[in-house]
Amino acid sequence: LNDKKKCYHIYDDTKEDGLLFRKGLDLIFVDKIDDADFILACTPFVNMNPIDYIPILEKAVERDIIMYCANPDFETVVKNNTKKIFCMGAIAEIYTRMGGKVIIQGKPENEIYVETTKSFKLDKKRTIAIGDSIFHDIKGANNFSVDSILVKSGIHKESKIINILCKNHQISPTYLINDFSI
């Protein structure tokens, strides 16, 4: 008898890192949600919009399947494209609102910071988190009690919107910058 868990893996198979998410996982990957024990949500399927996930999520809710969301960002922007692209956090939020159970594996959850800083002594007073997402990067920094820089050229481009979001959700970046590049 095979005791391996069956995973319905949501990922973009057109990107080189798509299958890297599976590396080291001792699981059986299935193509149908009806065969799955859980969902691993990494990156959106190519050419699918959030509404296209509803039939999959309905079946998952019926079967009481847990979703592990590896990228809880709601949206992102990519170079040379001004259009926002949805991320798995948006799908996880839809699933939660439908009654599904989601376990977040990333920002803004405090555990991601604790886990990534276990191997060295961190001086939080000398640490700063940089990101373009109020709800993930900045909220995560707030949760972990470190300073933060919100990059305004990312997903939240308008200062007026930034101020409203921060006030309404009680999330505060320490600093704001217009752009960030390496």
Protein backbone atom coordinates (compact mmCIF):
# COMPACT_ATOMS: atom_id res chain seq x y z
CA LEU A 1 0.00 0.00 0.00
CA ASN A 2 1.27 3.47 -0.88
CA ASP A 3 1.11 5.85 2.10
CA LYS A 4 2.36 8.86 0.15
CA LYS A 5 0.12 11.92 0.19
CA LYS A 6 -1.42 13.01 -3.10
CA CYS A 7 -0.77 16.63 -4.01
CA TYR A 8 -2.67 18.83 -6.43
CA HIS A 9 0.08 21.27 -7.38
CA ILE A 10 -0.82 24.71 -8.72
CA TYR A 11 2.19 26.14 -10.54
CA ASP A 12 3.15 27.78 -13.83
CA ASP A 13 4.65 25.00 -15.93
CA THR A 14 6.01 27.52 -18.48
CA LYS A 15 8.53 28.92 -16.01
CA GLU A 16 11.84 27.22 -15.33
CA ASP A 17 11.29 27.15 -11.56
CA GLY A 18 7.86 25.50 -11.72
CA LEU A 19 9.04 21.96 -11.08
CA LEU A 20 11.73 23.09 -8.64
CA PHE A 21 8.94 23.56 -6.09
CA ARG A 22 8.58 19.76 -6.09
CA LYS A 23 12.25 19.01 -5.50
CA GLY A 24 12.76 16.94 -2.36
CA LEU A 25 9.03 16.37 -1.76
CA ASP A 26 8.11 12.71 -1.31
CA LEU A 27 4.60 13.02 -2.72
CA ILE A 28 2.42 11.73 -5.51
CA PHE A 29 1.41 14.63 -7.78
CA VAL A 30 -2.09 14.30 -9.23
CA ASP A 31 -3.76 16.17 -12.09
CA LYS A 32 -7.30 16.16 -10.68
CA ILE A 33 -8.47 17.80 -7.48
CA ASP A 34 -10.75 14.76 -6.94
CA ASP A 35 -7.63 12.61 -6.40
CA ALA A 36 -5.81 15.01 -4.07
CA ASP A 37 -5.23 14.93 -0.32
CA PHE A 38 -4.11 18.57 -0.29
CA ILE A 39 -3.26 21.53 -2.54
CA LEU A 40 0.20 23.06 -2.89
CA ALA A 41 -0.34 26.54 -4.37
CA CYS A 42 2.89 28.09 -5.66
CA THR A 43 2.26 30.15 -8.81
CA PRO A 44 -0.88 30.54 -10.93
CA PHE A 45 -1.50 28.16 -13.79
CA VAL A 46 -0.66 29.79 -17.11
CA ASN A 47 -3.61 31.51 -18.85
CA MET A 48 -5.94 31.18 -15.86
CA ASN A 49 -7.72 34.03 -14.11
CA PRO A 50 -8.93 33.92 -10.51
CA ILE A 51 -12.49 33.12 -11.58
CA ASP A 52 -11.25 30.05 -13.48
CA TYR A 53 -10.24 28.45 -10.17
CA ILE A 54 -13.79 28.43 -8.75
CA PRO A 55 -14.75 24.92 -9.99
CA ILE A 56 -11.50 23.48 -8.59
CA LEU A 57 -11.94 25.28 -5.29
CA GLU A 58 -15.59 24.22 -4.98
CA LYS A 59 -14.55 20.57 -5.24
CA ALA A 60 -11.76 21.15 -2.74
CA VAL A 61 -14.16 22.76 -0.24
CA GLU A 62 -16.58 19.83 -0.65
CA ARG A 63 -13.75 17.41 0.12
CA ASP A 64 -12.36 19.58 2.98
CA ILE A 65 -8.90 19.77 1.38
CA ILE A 66 -6.25 22.00 2.94
CA MET A 67 -4.39 24.45 0.70
CA TYR A 68 -0.76 25.25 1.49
CA CYS A 69 -0.06 28.62 -0.06
CA ALA A 70 3.65 29.08 -0.75
CA ASN A 71 3.30 32.60 -2.16
CA PRO A 72 0.66 34.61 -0.29
CA ASP A 73 1.14 37.80 -2.33
CA PHE A 74 -2.12 38.95 -3.88
CA GLU A 75 -0.53 40.58 -6.90
CA THR A 76 2.76 41.50 -8.49
CA VAL A 77 4.19 43.54 -11.32
CA VAL A 78 6.83 42.34 -13.74
CA LYS A 79 9.51 44.25 -15.62
CA ASN A 80 8.40 45.94 -18.84
CA ASN A 81 4.74 45.44 -17.92
CA THR A 82 2.57 47.94 -16.07
CA LYS A 83 -0.28 45.45 -15.67
CA LYS A 84 -0.67 43.82 -12.26
CA ILE A 85 -0.54 40.04 -12.23
CA PHE A 86 -2.39 38.06 -9.58
CA CYS A 87 -0.52 35.68 -7.30
CA MET A 88 -1.58 32.65 -5.27
CA GLY A 89 -2.51 34.77 -2.26
CA ALA A 90 -5.52 35.96 -4.25
CA ILE A 91 -6.59 32.36 -4.89
CA ALA A 92 -5.98 31.43 -1.25
CA GLU A 93 -8.15 34.37 -0.17
CA ILE A 94 -10.96 33.22 -2.49
CA TYR A 95 -10.63 29.69 -1.12
CA THR A 96 -10.80 30.95 2.46
CA ARG A 97 -13.94 32.99 1.70
CA MET A 98 -15.50 29.88 0.12
CA GLY A 99 -14.92 28.03 3.40
CA GLY A 100 -11.63 26.32 2.57
CA LYS A 101 -8.74 26.00 5.01
CA VAL A 102 -5.49 27.69 3.99
CA ILE A 103 -2.08 27.49 5.60
CA ILE A 104 0.15 30.38 4.60
CA GLN A 105 3.84 29.64 4.13
CA GLY A 106 5.32 33.10 3.68
CA LYS A 107 5.03 36.78 4.47
CA PRO A 108 3.33 38.29 6.43
CA GLU A 109 3.34 35.26 8.74
CA ASN A 110 5.86 35.65 11.56
CA GLU A 111 7.06 32.03 11.25
CA ILE A 112 8.78 32.74 7.93
CA TYR A 113 10.98 35.36 9.60
CA VAL A 114 11.71 33.18 12.61
CA GLU A 115 12.64 30.21 10.41
CA THR A 116 14.87 32.19 8.06
CA THR A 117 16.79 33.83 10.89
CA LYS A 118 17.38 30.74 13.05
CA SER A 119 20.91 30.16 11.81
CA PHE A 120 22.33 33.53 12.84
CA LYS A 121 22.00 36.13 15.56
CA LEU A 122 19.74 38.86 14.26
CA ASP A 123 19.87 42.38 15.62
CA LYS A 124 16.35 43.63 14.86
CA LYS A 125 17.41 47.23 15.53
CA ARG A 126 19.83 46.95 12.58
CA THR A 127 17.46 45.07 10.27
CA ILE A 128 15.18 46.47 7.59
CA ALA A 129 12.71 44.70 5.31
CA ILE A 130 12.24 46.06 1.79
CA GLY A 131 9.23 45.38 -0.37
CA ASP A 132 6.39 46.70 -2.50
CA SER A 133 3.44 44.99 -0.81
CA ILE A 134 1.78 46.68 2.15
CA PHE A 135 -0.12 43.49 3.01
CA HIS A 136 2.85 41.13 2.86
CA ASP A 137 6.25 42.83 3.00
CA ILE A 138 5.37 45.73 5.28
CA LYS A 139 2.84 43.87 7.43
CA GLY A 140 5.37 41.03 7.79
CA ALA A 141 8.05 43.48 8.93
CA ASN A 142 5.57 45.01 11.39
CA ASN A 143 4.68 41.55 12.72
CA PHE A 144 8.38 40.70 13.14
CA SER A 145 9.13 44.09 14.76
CA VAL A 146 11.70 45.31 12.24
CA ASP A 147 11.84 48.53 10.25
CA SER A 148 10.59 48.51 6.69
CA ILE A 149 10.86 50.34 3.40
CA LEU A 150 7.86 50.42 1.07
CA VAL A 151 8.89 50.69 -2.58
CA LYS A 152 6.26 52.87 -4.24
CA SER A 153 7.05 51.85 -7.82
CA GLY A 154 5.67 48.36 -7.21
CA ILE A 155 2.06 47.26 -6.79
CA HIS A 156 0.99 50.30 -4.74
CA LYS A 157 1.98 53.19 -6.99
CA GLU A 158 -0.24 56.04 -5.83
CA SER A 159 0.67 57.84 -2.61
CA LYS A 160 -2.99 58.55 -1.85
CA ILE A 161 -3.85 54.84 -2.05
CA ILE A 162 -0.81 53.94 0.08
CA ASN A 163 -1.92 56.32 2.82
CA ILE A 164 -5.50 55.00 2.77
CA LEU A 165 -4.42 51.34 2.81
CA CYS A 166 -1.92 51.88 5.63
CA LYS A 167 -4.44 53.79 7.73
CA ASN A 168 -7.37 51.42 7.12
CA HIS A 169 -5.32 48.28 7.80
CA GLN A 170 -3.07 49.75 10.52
CA ILE A 171 0.10 48.82 8.66
CA SER A 172 3.00 51.28 8.80
CA PRO A 173 6.16 51.32 6.71
CA THR A 174 9.08 53.03 8.44
CA TYR A 175 10.23 54.62 5.18
CA LEU A 176 8.94 55.15 1.66
CA ILE A 177 11.08 55.20 -1.49
CA ASN A 178 10.06 55.71 -5.09
CA ASP A 179 12.20 53.02 -6.75
CA PHE A 180 14.56 50.21 -5.85
CA SER A 181 17.06 48.43 -8.04
CA ILE A 182 20.14 46.35 -7.52
